[in-house]
Amino acid sequence: MPRTVIAALGTCVPDRVVTNDELSRRMDTSDAWIRERTGIEEYAGLGWKYPFLGAAMALFMFSLAGIPPTAGFMGKFWLFSAAIDAGYVWLAVIGVLNSAVSLYYYIRVVVFMWMKEDIAATPIPSMPALESALALALAATILFGIFPAPLFEFAEASARTLGVAAPALTLR
C-alpha cells in the first residue's frame, strides 16, 4: 500500500508518515464533525446573543442578496448593466431571477439568527482581531455601496491593463 507524507494536515505530526486508509478515516471523521456543526440551526439566536456578529452577518447576507446600499447591490447592478449593454439581456434576466431566488436562502440565515431561539448554547470567544476585521469589512461593504465609483474605476483600470476594453459605466 502506498504511503504519503502529510505535512500540511493539522491533525498529523509533520514528520509522520500515514497510510491512505488512515488519512481517509481521519478525513471521514472530521467531515462528520463539520457536517453536524454547520447546519443552519447553529445560527439560531446568534443575533441576540452576539449582536455585533449577528448584525455583521445580516449585513453581509443582505449584500450577497444585492440589497441597497451595499457593495453587493452595486456589484450586481454593474454586472447586469454591463450584460445589457453588451446585448446579453437574456443573461441579465437569468441573473436577476437567480438573485431573487437566492434572496430566500440569504434571508433564511438572518431569520434563524434573529427570530429563532438559541438551542445550542455554544459560546463564541471574544477575539479583538476578528471584531476589527469584521468592522473593517462592514465599513467597506457600506462605503462601496454608497460610493462605488472608486471601485468601478479600479476595475476598469485593471481591465485596461489586461488589454480588455471595459465600457465606462457612469454612476456619478
N, C-alpha and C. Protein backbone atom coordinates (compact mmCIF):
# COMPACT_ATOMS: atom_id res chain seq x y z
N MET A 1 0.85 -1.17 0.00
CA MET A 1 0.00 0.00 0.00
C MET A 1 0.90 1.25 0.00
N PRO A 2 0.62 2.23 -0.85
CA PRO A 2 1.47 3.42 -0.91
C PRO A 2 1.35 4.25 0.37
N ARG A 3 2.43 4.87 0.74
CA ARG A 3 2.44 5.74 1.91
C ARG A 3 2.65 7.18 1.44
N THR A 4 2.06 8.12 2.19
CA THR A 4 2.14 9.51 1.82
C THR A 4 2.58 10.33 3.03
N VAL A 5 3.44 11.28 2.81
CA VAL A 5 3.84 12.17 3.89
C VAL A 5 2.86 13.33 3.90
N ILE A 6 2.21 13.52 5.01
CA ILE A 6 1.23 14.60 5.14
C ILE A 6 1.86 15.66 6.05
N ALA A 7 2.26 16.77 5.46
CA ALA A 7 2.90 17.81 6.24
C ALA A 7 1.96 18.95 6.58
N ALA A 8 0.91 19.11 5.80
CA ALA A 8 0.04 20.25 6.00
C ALA A 8 -1.21 19.93 6.80
N LEU A 9 -1.46 18.68 7.07
CA LEU A 9 -2.68 18.30 7.79
C LEU A 9 -2.51 18.63 9.26
N GLY A 10 -3.40 19.43 9.79
CA GLY A 10 -3.28 19.91 11.16
C GLY A 10 -3.37 18.83 12.21
N THR A 11 -3.99 17.69 11.91
CA THR A 11 -4.14 16.65 12.92
C THR A 11 -2.96 15.70 12.95
N CYS A 12 -2.00 15.85 12.05
CA CYS A 12 -0.84 14.95 11.99
C CYS A 12 0.41 15.69 12.40
N VAL A 13 1.35 14.94 12.94
CA VAL A 13 2.67 15.49 13.19
C VAL A 13 3.34 15.62 11.83
N PRO A 14 3.98 16.77 11.54
CA PRO A 14 4.50 16.99 10.19
C PRO A 14 5.44 15.90 9.66
N ASP A 15 6.22 15.25 10.51
CA ASP A 15 7.17 14.25 10.03
C ASP A 15 6.58 12.84 9.99
N ARG A 16 5.33 12.69 10.33
CA ARG A 16 4.73 11.38 10.42
C ARG A 16 4.27 10.90 9.05
N VAL A 17 4.47 9.63 8.79
CA VAL A 17 4.01 9.02 7.55
C VAL A 17 2.72 8.27 7.87
N VAL A 18 1.65 8.55 7.09
CA VAL A 18 0.37 7.88 7.32
C VAL A 18 -0.04 7.16 6.04
N THR A 19 -0.79 6.11 6.21
CA THR A 19 -1.28 5.38 5.04
C THR A 19 -2.50 6.09 4.48
N ASN A 20 -2.87 5.76 3.27
CA ASN A 20 -4.05 6.34 2.65
C ASN A 20 -5.31 5.97 3.43
N ASP A 21 -5.35 4.74 3.98
CA ASP A 21 -6.52 4.33 4.77
C ASP A 21 -6.68 5.18 6.02
N GLU A 22 -5.55 5.45 6.69
CA GLU A 22 -5.61 6.27 7.89
C GLU A 22 -6.04 7.69 7.55
N LEU A 23 -5.52 8.21 6.45
CA LEU A 23 -5.89 9.55 6.02
C LEU A 23 -7.38 9.61 5.70
N SER A 24 -7.91 8.61 4.98
CA SER A 24 -9.33 8.58 4.65
C SER A 24 -10.17 8.51 5.92
N ARG A 25 -9.75 7.70 6.88
CA ARG A 25 -10.50 7.57 8.13
C ARG A 25 -10.53 8.90 8.88
N ARG A 26 -9.39 9.59 8.93
CA ARG A 26 -9.35 10.89 9.62
C ARG A 26 -10.22 11.92 8.90
N MET A 27 -10.19 11.91 7.58
CA MET A 27 -11.00 12.88 6.84
C MET A 27 -12.49 12.59 7.01
N ASP A 28 -12.87 11.31 7.03
CA ASP A 28 -14.27 10.97 7.25
C ASP A 28 -14.73 11.43 8.62
N THR A 29 -13.89 11.26 9.62
CA THR A 29 -14.24 11.68 10.98
C THR A 29 -14.40 13.19 11.05
N SER A 30 -13.46 13.94 10.47
CA SER A 30 -13.55 15.40 10.53
C SER A 30 -14.72 15.89 9.69
N ASP A 31 -15.01 15.21 8.58
CA ASP A 31 -16.14 15.59 7.75
C ASP A 31 -17.45 15.43 8.50
N ALA A 32 -17.59 14.35 9.28
CA ALA A 32 -18.80 14.15 10.08
C ALA A 32 -18.91 15.23 11.14
N TRP A 33 -17.79 15.60 11.74
CA TRP A 33 -17.81 16.65 12.76
C TRP A 33 -18.26 17.97 12.15
N ILE A 34 -17.76 18.27 10.95
CA ILE A 34 -18.15 19.51 10.28
C ILE A 34 -19.63 19.46 9.91
N ARG A 35 -20.09 18.35 9.36
CA ARG A 35 -21.49 18.25 8.94
C ARG A 35 -22.45 18.43 10.09
N GLU A 36 -22.12 17.93 11.26
CA GLU A 36 -23.07 18.05 12.36
C GLU A 36 -23.01 19.42 13.02
N ARG A 37 -22.07 20.26 12.66
CA ARG A 37 -21.95 21.57 13.28
C ARG A 37 -22.11 22.73 12.30
N THR A 38 -22.49 22.48 11.09
CA THR A 38 -22.63 23.57 10.13
C THR A 38 -24.06 23.71 9.62
N GLY A 39 -25.00 23.13 10.29
CA GLY A 39 -26.39 23.31 9.90
C GLY A 39 -26.87 24.71 10.21
N ILE A 40 -27.92 25.10 9.58
CA ILE A 40 -28.45 26.45 9.79
C ILE A 40 -28.94 26.64 11.22
N GLU A 41 -29.25 25.54 11.89
CA GLU A 41 -29.71 25.63 13.27
C GLU A 41 -28.64 26.19 14.20
N GLU A 42 -27.39 26.05 13.80
CA GLU A 42 -26.29 26.58 14.61
C GLU A 42 -26.34 28.09 14.72
N TYR A 43 -27.03 28.76 13.80
CA TYR A 43 -27.11 30.22 13.83
C TYR A 43 -28.28 30.72 14.67
N ALA A 44 -29.11 29.84 15.17
CA ALA A 44 -30.29 30.24 15.93
C ALA A 44 -29.88 31.07 17.16
N GLY A 45 -30.46 32.25 17.28
CA GLY A 45 -30.22 33.12 18.42
C GLY A 45 -28.91 33.88 18.41
N LEU A 46 -28.11 33.71 17.37
CA LEU A 46 -26.80 34.38 17.32
C LEU A 46 -26.94 35.90 17.40
N GLY A 47 -27.95 36.44 16.75
CA GLY A 47 -28.12 37.89 16.73
C GLY A 47 -28.40 38.48 18.09
N TRP A 48 -29.11 37.76 18.93
CA TRP A 48 -29.43 38.26 20.27
C TRP A 48 -28.29 37.99 21.24
N LYS A 49 -27.61 36.87 21.06
CA LYS A 49 -26.54 36.52 21.98
C LYS A 49 -25.26 37.31 21.69
N TYR A 50 -24.98 37.52 20.41
CA TYR A 50 -23.80 38.27 19.97
C TYR A 50 -24.26 39.30 18.95
N PRO A 51 -24.75 40.45 19.41
CA PRO A 51 -25.36 41.43 18.49
C PRO A 51 -24.43 41.93 17.38
N PHE A 52 -23.16 42.16 17.68
CA PHE A 52 -22.26 42.65 16.65
C PHE A 52 -22.06 41.60 15.55
N LEU A 53 -21.82 40.36 15.95
CA LEU A 53 -21.65 39.29 14.97
C LEU A 53 -22.93 39.08 14.17
N GLY A 54 -24.08 39.14 14.85
CA GLY A 54 -25.35 38.95 14.16
C GLY A 54 -25.63 40.07 13.16
N ALA A 55 -25.36 41.30 13.57
CA ALA A 55 -25.58 42.44 12.66
C ALA A 55 -24.63 42.38 11.47
N ALA A 56 -23.38 42.02 11.73
CA ALA A 56 -22.41 41.90 10.64
C ALA A 56 -22.84 40.82 9.65
N MET A 57 -23.22 39.66 10.18
CA MET A 57 -23.65 38.57 9.30
C MET A 57 -24.89 38.97 8.51
N ALA A 58 -25.83 39.65 9.16
CA ALA A 58 -27.05 40.09 8.46
C ALA A 58 -26.70 41.05 7.33
N LEU A 59 -25.82 42.01 7.61
CA LEU A 59 -25.44 42.96 6.57
C LEU A 59 -24.74 42.27 5.41
N PHE A 60 -23.87 41.31 5.72
CA PHE A 60 -23.18 40.58 4.65
C PHE A 60 -24.17 39.75 3.83
N MET A 61 -25.15 39.18 4.48
CA MET A 61 -26.18 38.41 3.76
C MET A 61 -27.01 39.34 2.86
N PHE A 62 -27.35 40.53 3.37
CA PHE A 62 -28.08 41.49 2.54
C PHE A 62 -27.23 41.92 1.35
N SER A 63 -25.94 42.07 1.57
CA SER A 63 -25.05 42.45 0.47
C SER A 63 -24.98 41.34 -0.58
N LEU A 64 -24.87 40.10 -0.13
CA LEU A 64 -24.86 38.98 -1.07
C LEU A 64 -26.17 38.90 -1.85
N ALA A 65 -27.27 39.26 -1.21
CA ALA A 65 -28.57 39.23 -1.87
C ALA A 65 -28.72 40.40 -2.85
N GLY A 66 -27.88 41.41 -2.71
CA GLY A 66 -27.95 42.55 -3.62
C GLY A 66 -28.91 43.62 -3.18
N ILE A 67 -29.05 43.79 -1.89
CA ILE A 67 -29.97 44.81 -1.36
C ILE A 67 -29.19 46.11 -1.17
N PRO A 68 -29.74 47.25 -1.65
CA PRO A 68 -29.04 48.52 -1.49
C PRO A 68 -29.03 48.94 -0.03
N PRO A 69 -28.13 49.73 0.44
CA PRO A 69 -26.98 50.38 -0.19
C PRO A 69 -25.70 49.63 0.08
N THR A 70 -25.62 48.40 -0.30
CA THR A 70 -24.41 47.61 -0.04
C THR A 70 -23.58 47.44 -1.30
N ALA A 71 -22.36 47.01 -1.11
CA ALA A 71 -21.47 46.78 -2.25
C ALA A 71 -22.00 45.66 -3.13
N GLY A 72 -22.68 44.70 -2.54
CA GLY A 72 -23.26 43.61 -3.34
C GLY A 72 -24.28 44.11 -4.34
N PHE A 73 -25.09 45.08 -3.93
CA PHE A 73 -26.07 45.66 -4.84
C PHE A 73 -25.37 46.35 -6.00
N MET A 74 -24.34 47.15 -5.68
CA MET A 74 -23.64 47.88 -6.74
C MET A 74 -22.92 46.92 -7.68
N GLY A 75 -22.36 45.85 -7.14
CA GLY A 75 -21.70 44.86 -7.98
C GLY A 75 -22.66 44.19 -8.94
N LYS A 76 -23.82 43.81 -8.41
CA LYS A 76 -24.82 43.17 -9.27
C LYS A 76 -25.36 44.18 -10.28
N PHE A 77 -25.58 45.41 -9.85
CA PHE A 77 -26.07 46.44 -10.77
C PHE A 77 -25.08 46.64 -11.91
N TRP A 78 -23.80 46.73 -11.59
CA TRP A 78 -22.76 46.93 -12.60
C TRP A 78 -22.69 45.73 -13.53
N LEU A 79 -22.73 44.54 -12.97
CA LEU A 79 -22.65 43.32 -13.78
C LEU A 79 -23.84 43.20 -14.73
N PHE A 80 -25.04 43.39 -14.22
CA PHE A 80 -26.23 43.27 -15.06
C PHE A 80 -26.30 44.41 -16.08
N SER A 81 -25.86 45.60 -15.72
CA SER A 81 -25.83 46.72 -16.68
C SER A 81 -24.85 46.42 -17.81
N ALA A 82 -23.71 45.86 -17.46
CA ALA A 82 -22.71 45.52 -18.50
C ALA A 82 -23.25 44.44 -19.41
N ALA A 83 -23.97 43.47 -18.86
CA ALA A 83 -24.55 42.40 -19.69
C ALA A 83 -25.58 42.98 -20.65
N ILE A 84 -26.40 43.89 -20.16
CA ILE A 84 -27.42 44.51 -21.02
C ILE A 84 -26.76 45.36 -22.10
N ASP A 85 -25.75 46.15 -21.71
CA ASP A 85 -25.05 46.99 -22.69
C ASP A 85 -24.36 46.15 -23.77
N ALA A 86 -23.93 44.96 -23.42
CA ALA A 86 -23.26 44.09 -24.39
C ALA A 86 -24.26 43.28 -25.22
N GLY A 87 -25.55 43.47 -24.96
CA GLY A 87 -26.57 42.77 -25.74
C GLY A 87 -27.00 41.43 -25.16
N TYR A 88 -26.58 41.13 -23.96
CA TYR A 88 -26.95 39.87 -23.32
C TYR A 88 -28.09 40.09 -22.32
N VAL A 89 -29.19 40.59 -22.83
CA VAL A 89 -30.34 40.86 -21.97
C VAL A 89 -30.84 39.58 -21.34
N TRP A 90 -30.86 38.50 -22.10
CA TRP A 90 -31.34 37.23 -21.57
C TRP A 90 -30.48 36.76 -20.39
N LEU A 91 -29.17 37.02 -20.45
CA LEU A 91 -28.28 36.64 -19.37
C LEU A 91 -28.54 37.50 -18.13
N ALA A 92 -28.79 38.78 -18.33
CA ALA A 92 -29.11 39.67 -17.21
C ALA A 92 -30.42 39.26 -16.56
N VAL A 93 -31.40 38.85 -17.36
CA VAL A 93 -32.69 38.40 -16.80
C VAL A 93 -32.48 37.14 -15.96
N ILE A 94 -31.69 36.21 -16.47
CA ILE A 94 -31.39 34.99 -15.70
C ILE A 94 -30.68 35.34 -14.40
N GLY A 95 -29.75 36.28 -14.46
CA GLY A 95 -29.03 36.71 -13.26
C GLY A 95 -29.94 37.34 -12.23
N VAL A 96 -30.86 38.19 -12.69
CA VAL A 96 -31.80 38.83 -11.78
C VAL A 96 -32.73 37.78 -11.16
N LEU A 97 -33.20 36.84 -11.95
CA LEU A 97 -34.06 35.78 -11.41
C LEU A 97 -33.30 34.92 -10.40
N ASN A 98 -32.06 34.59 -10.69
CA ASN A 98 -31.25 33.83 -9.73
C ASN A 98 -31.02 34.63 -8.46
N SER A 99 -30.83 35.93 -8.58
CA SER A 99 -30.67 36.78 -7.40
C SER A 99 -31.93 36.79 -6.55
N ALA A 100 -33.08 36.80 -7.22
CA ALA A 100 -34.34 36.77 -6.48
C ALA A 100 -34.51 35.44 -5.74
N VAL A 101 -34.12 34.35 -6.38
CA VAL A 101 -34.22 33.04 -5.71
C VAL A 101 -33.23 32.98 -4.55
N SER A 102 -32.03 33.48 -4.73
CA SER A 102 -31.02 33.42 -3.67
C SER A 102 -31.41 34.25 -2.45
N LEU A 103 -32.25 35.24 -2.67
CA LEU A 103 -32.71 36.07 -1.55
C LEU A 103 -33.35 35.21 -0.47
N TYR A 104 -34.09 34.20 -0.84
CA TYR A 104 -34.72 33.30 0.13
C TYR A 104 -33.67 32.65 1.01
N TYR A 105 -32.61 32.15 0.43
CA TYR A 105 -31.60 31.45 1.20
C TYR A 105 -30.82 32.39 2.12
N TYR A 106 -30.52 33.58 1.65
CA TYR A 106 -29.78 34.54 2.48
C TYR A 106 -30.65 35.04 3.63
N ILE A 107 -31.89 35.35 3.34
CA ILE A 107 -32.79 35.86 4.38
C ILE A 107 -33.09 34.76 5.40
N ARG A 108 -33.08 33.53 4.98
CA ARG A 108 -33.35 32.42 5.90
C ARG A 108 -32.30 32.36 7.01
N VAL A 109 -31.05 32.62 6.68
CA VAL A 109 -29.99 32.65 7.69
C VAL A 109 -30.25 33.78 8.67
N VAL A 110 -30.64 34.95 8.16
CA VAL A 110 -30.92 36.10 9.03
C VAL A 110 -32.10 35.79 9.94
N VAL A 111 -33.12 35.14 9.42
CA VAL A 111 -34.27 34.77 10.25
C VAL A 111 -33.84 33.84 11.37
N PHE A 112 -33.00 32.88 11.08
CA PHE A 112 -32.53 31.97 12.13
C PHE A 112 -31.71 32.71 13.18
N MET A 113 -30.91 33.68 12.76
CA MET A 113 -30.08 34.41 13.71
C MET A 113 -30.89 35.28 14.64
N TRP A 114 -31.96 35.89 14.14
CA TRP A 114 -32.68 36.89 14.93
C TRP A 114 -34.05 36.44 15.41
N MET A 115 -34.64 35.42 14.81
CA MET A 115 -36.03 35.08 15.15
C MET A 115 -36.22 33.68 15.68
N LYS A 116 -35.16 32.93 15.87
CA LYS A 116 -35.26 31.58 16.43
C LYS A 116 -34.55 31.55 17.77
N GLU A 117 -35.01 30.67 18.64
CA GLU A 117 -34.38 30.55 19.95
C GLU A 117 -33.07 29.80 19.85
N ASP A 118 -32.14 30.18 20.72
CA ASP A 118 -30.83 29.54 20.77
C ASP A 118 -30.98 28.18 21.43
N ILE A 119 -30.76 27.12 20.65
CA ILE A 119 -30.87 25.77 21.21
C ILE A 119 -29.51 25.19 21.56
N ALA A 120 -28.50 25.54 20.83
CA ALA A 120 -27.14 25.07 21.11
C ALA A 120 -26.35 26.24 21.67
N ALA A 121 -26.23 26.29 22.97
CA ALA A 121 -25.55 27.41 23.61
C ALA A 121 -24.04 27.24 23.52
N THR A 122 -23.52 27.33 22.33
CA THR A 122 -22.08 27.22 22.12
C THR A 122 -21.48 28.61 22.26
N PRO A 123 -20.66 28.83 23.27
CA PRO A 123 -20.08 30.17 23.44
C PRO A 123 -19.04 30.46 22.36
N ILE A 124 -19.01 31.71 21.94
CA ILE A 124 -18.02 32.16 20.96
C ILE A 124 -17.05 33.06 21.70
N PRO A 125 -15.78 32.70 21.72
CA PRO A 125 -14.82 33.54 22.45
C PRO A 125 -14.65 34.90 21.78
N SER A 126 -14.41 35.90 22.59
CA SER A 126 -14.19 37.24 22.07
C SER A 126 -12.79 37.30 21.46
N MET A 127 -12.73 37.73 20.21
CA MET A 127 -11.45 37.84 19.52
C MET A 127 -11.34 39.25 18.93
N PRO A 128 -10.54 40.12 19.52
CA PRO A 128 -10.42 41.50 19.04
C PRO A 128 -10.01 41.59 17.57
N ALA A 129 -9.13 40.72 17.12
CA ALA A 129 -8.70 40.77 15.71
C ALA A 129 -9.86 40.47 14.78
N LEU A 130 -10.68 39.49 15.14
CA LEU A 130 -11.85 39.14 14.33
C LEU A 130 -12.85 40.30 14.31
N GLU A 131 -13.08 40.89 15.47
CA GLU A 131 -14.02 42.01 15.54
C GLU A 131 -13.52 43.21 14.75
N SER A 132 -12.22 43.45 14.78
CA SER A 132 -11.66 44.56 13.99
C SER A 132 -11.79 44.28 12.49
N ALA A 133 -11.52 43.05 12.08
CA ALA A 133 -11.66 42.69 10.67
C ALA A 133 -13.12 42.80 10.23
N LEU A 134 -14.04 42.37 11.08
CA LEU A 134 -15.46 42.49 10.74
C LEU A 134 -15.88 43.95 10.63
N ALA A 135 -15.40 44.80 11.53
CA ALA A 135 -15.74 46.23 11.48
C ALA A 135 -15.21 46.85 10.18
N LEU A 136 -14.02 46.48 9.78
CA LEU A 136 -13.44 46.99 8.53
C LEU A 136 -14.25 46.50 7.33
N ALA A 137 -14.62 45.22 7.34
CA ALA A 137 -15.41 44.67 6.23
C ALA A 137 -16.80 45.30 6.19
N LEU A 138 -17.40 45.55 7.35
CA LEU A 138 -18.70 46.23 7.38
C LEU A 138 -18.60 47.62 6.77
N ALA A 139 -17.59 48.36 7.18
CA ALA A 139 -17.41 49.72 6.65
C ALA A 139 -17.21 49.69 5.14
N ALA A 140 -16.40 48.77 4.66
CA ALA A 140 -16.15 48.67 3.21
C ALA A 140 -17.42 48.28 2.46
N THR A 141 -18.21 47.38 3.03
CA THR A 141 -19.44 46.95 2.37
C THR A 141 -20.42 48.11 2.22
N ILE A 142 -20.53 48.93 3.25
CA ILE A 142 -21.44 50.08 3.17
C ILE A 142 -20.84 51.20 2.31
N LEU A 143 -19.56 51.52 2.52
CA LEU A 143 -18.94 52.61 1.76
C LEU A 143 -18.92 52.33 0.26
N PHE A 144 -18.57 51.10 -0.13
CA PHE A 144 -18.57 50.79 -1.56
C PHE A 144 -19.99 50.69 -2.11
N GLY A 145 -20.96 50.50 -1.25
CA GLY A 145 -22.35 50.54 -1.70
C GLY A 145 -22.84 51.96 -1.95
N ILE A 146 -22.35 52.88 -1.13
CA ILE A 146 -22.77 54.28 -1.26
C ILE A 146 -21.89 55.03 -2.26
N PHE A 147 -20.59 54.77 -2.23
CA PHE A 147 -19.63 55.43 -3.12
C PHE A 147 -18.90 54.38 -3.96
N PRO A 148 -19.55 53.83 -4.99
CA PRO A 148 -18.91 52.74 -5.75
C PRO A 148 -17.93 53.20 -6.81
N ALA A 149 -17.89 54.49 -7.13
CA ALA A 149 -17.07 54.96 -8.24
C ALA A 149 -15.59 54.56 -8.12
N PRO A 150 -14.95 54.70 -6.96
CA PRO A 150 -13.53 54.29 -6.90
C PRO A 150 -13.32 52.81 -7.21
N LEU A 151 -14.23 51.99 -6.77
CA LEU A 151 -14.11 50.56 -7.03
C LEU A 151 -14.31 50.25 -8.51
N PHE A 152 -15.28 50.92 -9.14
CA PHE A 152 -15.52 50.71 -10.57
C PHE A 152 -14.35 51.22 -11.39
N GLU A 153 -13.78 52.38 -11.01
CA GLU A 153 -12.63 52.91 -11.73
C GLU A 153 -11.44 51.96 -11.61
N PHE A 154 -11.25 51.37 -10.43
CA PHE A 154 -10.17 50.41 -10.24
C PHE A 154 -10.39 49.18 -11.12
N ALA A 155 -11.63 48.71 -11.19
CA ALA A 155 -11.94 47.54 -12.02
C ALA A 155 -11.72 47.85 -13.50
N GLU A 156 -12.11 49.02 -13.93
CA GLU A 156 -11.91 49.40 -15.33
C GLU A 156 -10.43 49.56 -15.65
N ALA A 157 -9.67 50.14 -14.73
CA ALA A 157 -8.22 50.29 -14.95
C ALA A 157 -7.56 48.91 -15.00
N SER A 158 -8.01 48.00 -14.16
CA SER A 158 -7.46 46.63 -14.18
C SER A 158 -7.77 45.95 -15.49
N ALA A 159 -8.99 46.14 -16.00
CA ALA A 159 -9.36 45.54 -17.27
C ALA A 159 -8.52 46.11 -18.41
N ARG A 160 -8.24 47.41 -18.36
CA ARG A 160 -7.42 48.03 -19.39
C ARG A 160 -6.00 47.48 -19.37
N THR A 161 -5.44 47.22 -18.20
CA THR A 161 -4.07 46.68 -18.15
C THR A 161 -4.01 45.27 -18.70
N LEU A 162 -5.13 44.57 -18.69
CA LEU A 162 -5.19 43.23 -19.27
C LEU A 162 -5.46 43.26 -20.76
N GLY A 163 -5.70 44.47 -21.29
CA GLY A 163 -5.98 44.61 -22.71
C GLY A 163 -7.45 44.42 -23.04
N VAL A 164 -8.30 44.43 -22.04
CA VAL A 164 -9.74 44.28 -22.27
C VAL A 164 -10.35 45.66 -22.30
N ALA A 165 -11.10 45.93 -23.31
CA ALA A 165 -11.78 47.24 -23.39
C ALA A 165 -13.00 47.19 -22.51
N ALA A 166 -12.96 47.94 -21.42
CA ALA A 166 -14.09 47.96 -20.48
C ALA A 166 -14.92 49.21 -20.75
N PRO A 167 -16.18 49.04 -21.08
CA PRO A 167 -17.02 50.21 -21.28
C PRO A 167 -17.22 50.94 -19.97
N ALA A 168 -17.12 52.24 -20.01
CA ALA A 168 -17.29 53.03 -18.80
C ALA A 168 -18.76 53.07 -18.41
N LEU A 169 -19.02 52.75 -17.18
CA LEU A 169 -20.38 52.79 -16.64
C LEU A 169 -20.42 53.99 -15.72
N THR A 170 -21.17 54.99 -16.09
CA THR A 170 -21.19 56.21 -15.30
C THR A 170 -22.27 56.10 -14.23
N LEU A 171 -21.85 56.26 -13.00
CA LEU A 171 -22.77 56.22 -11.87
C LEU A 171 -22.67 57.49 -11.05
N ARG A 172 -21.99 58.48 -11.57
CA ARG A 172 -21.76 59.69 -10.77
C ARG A 172 -22.91 60.64 -10.89
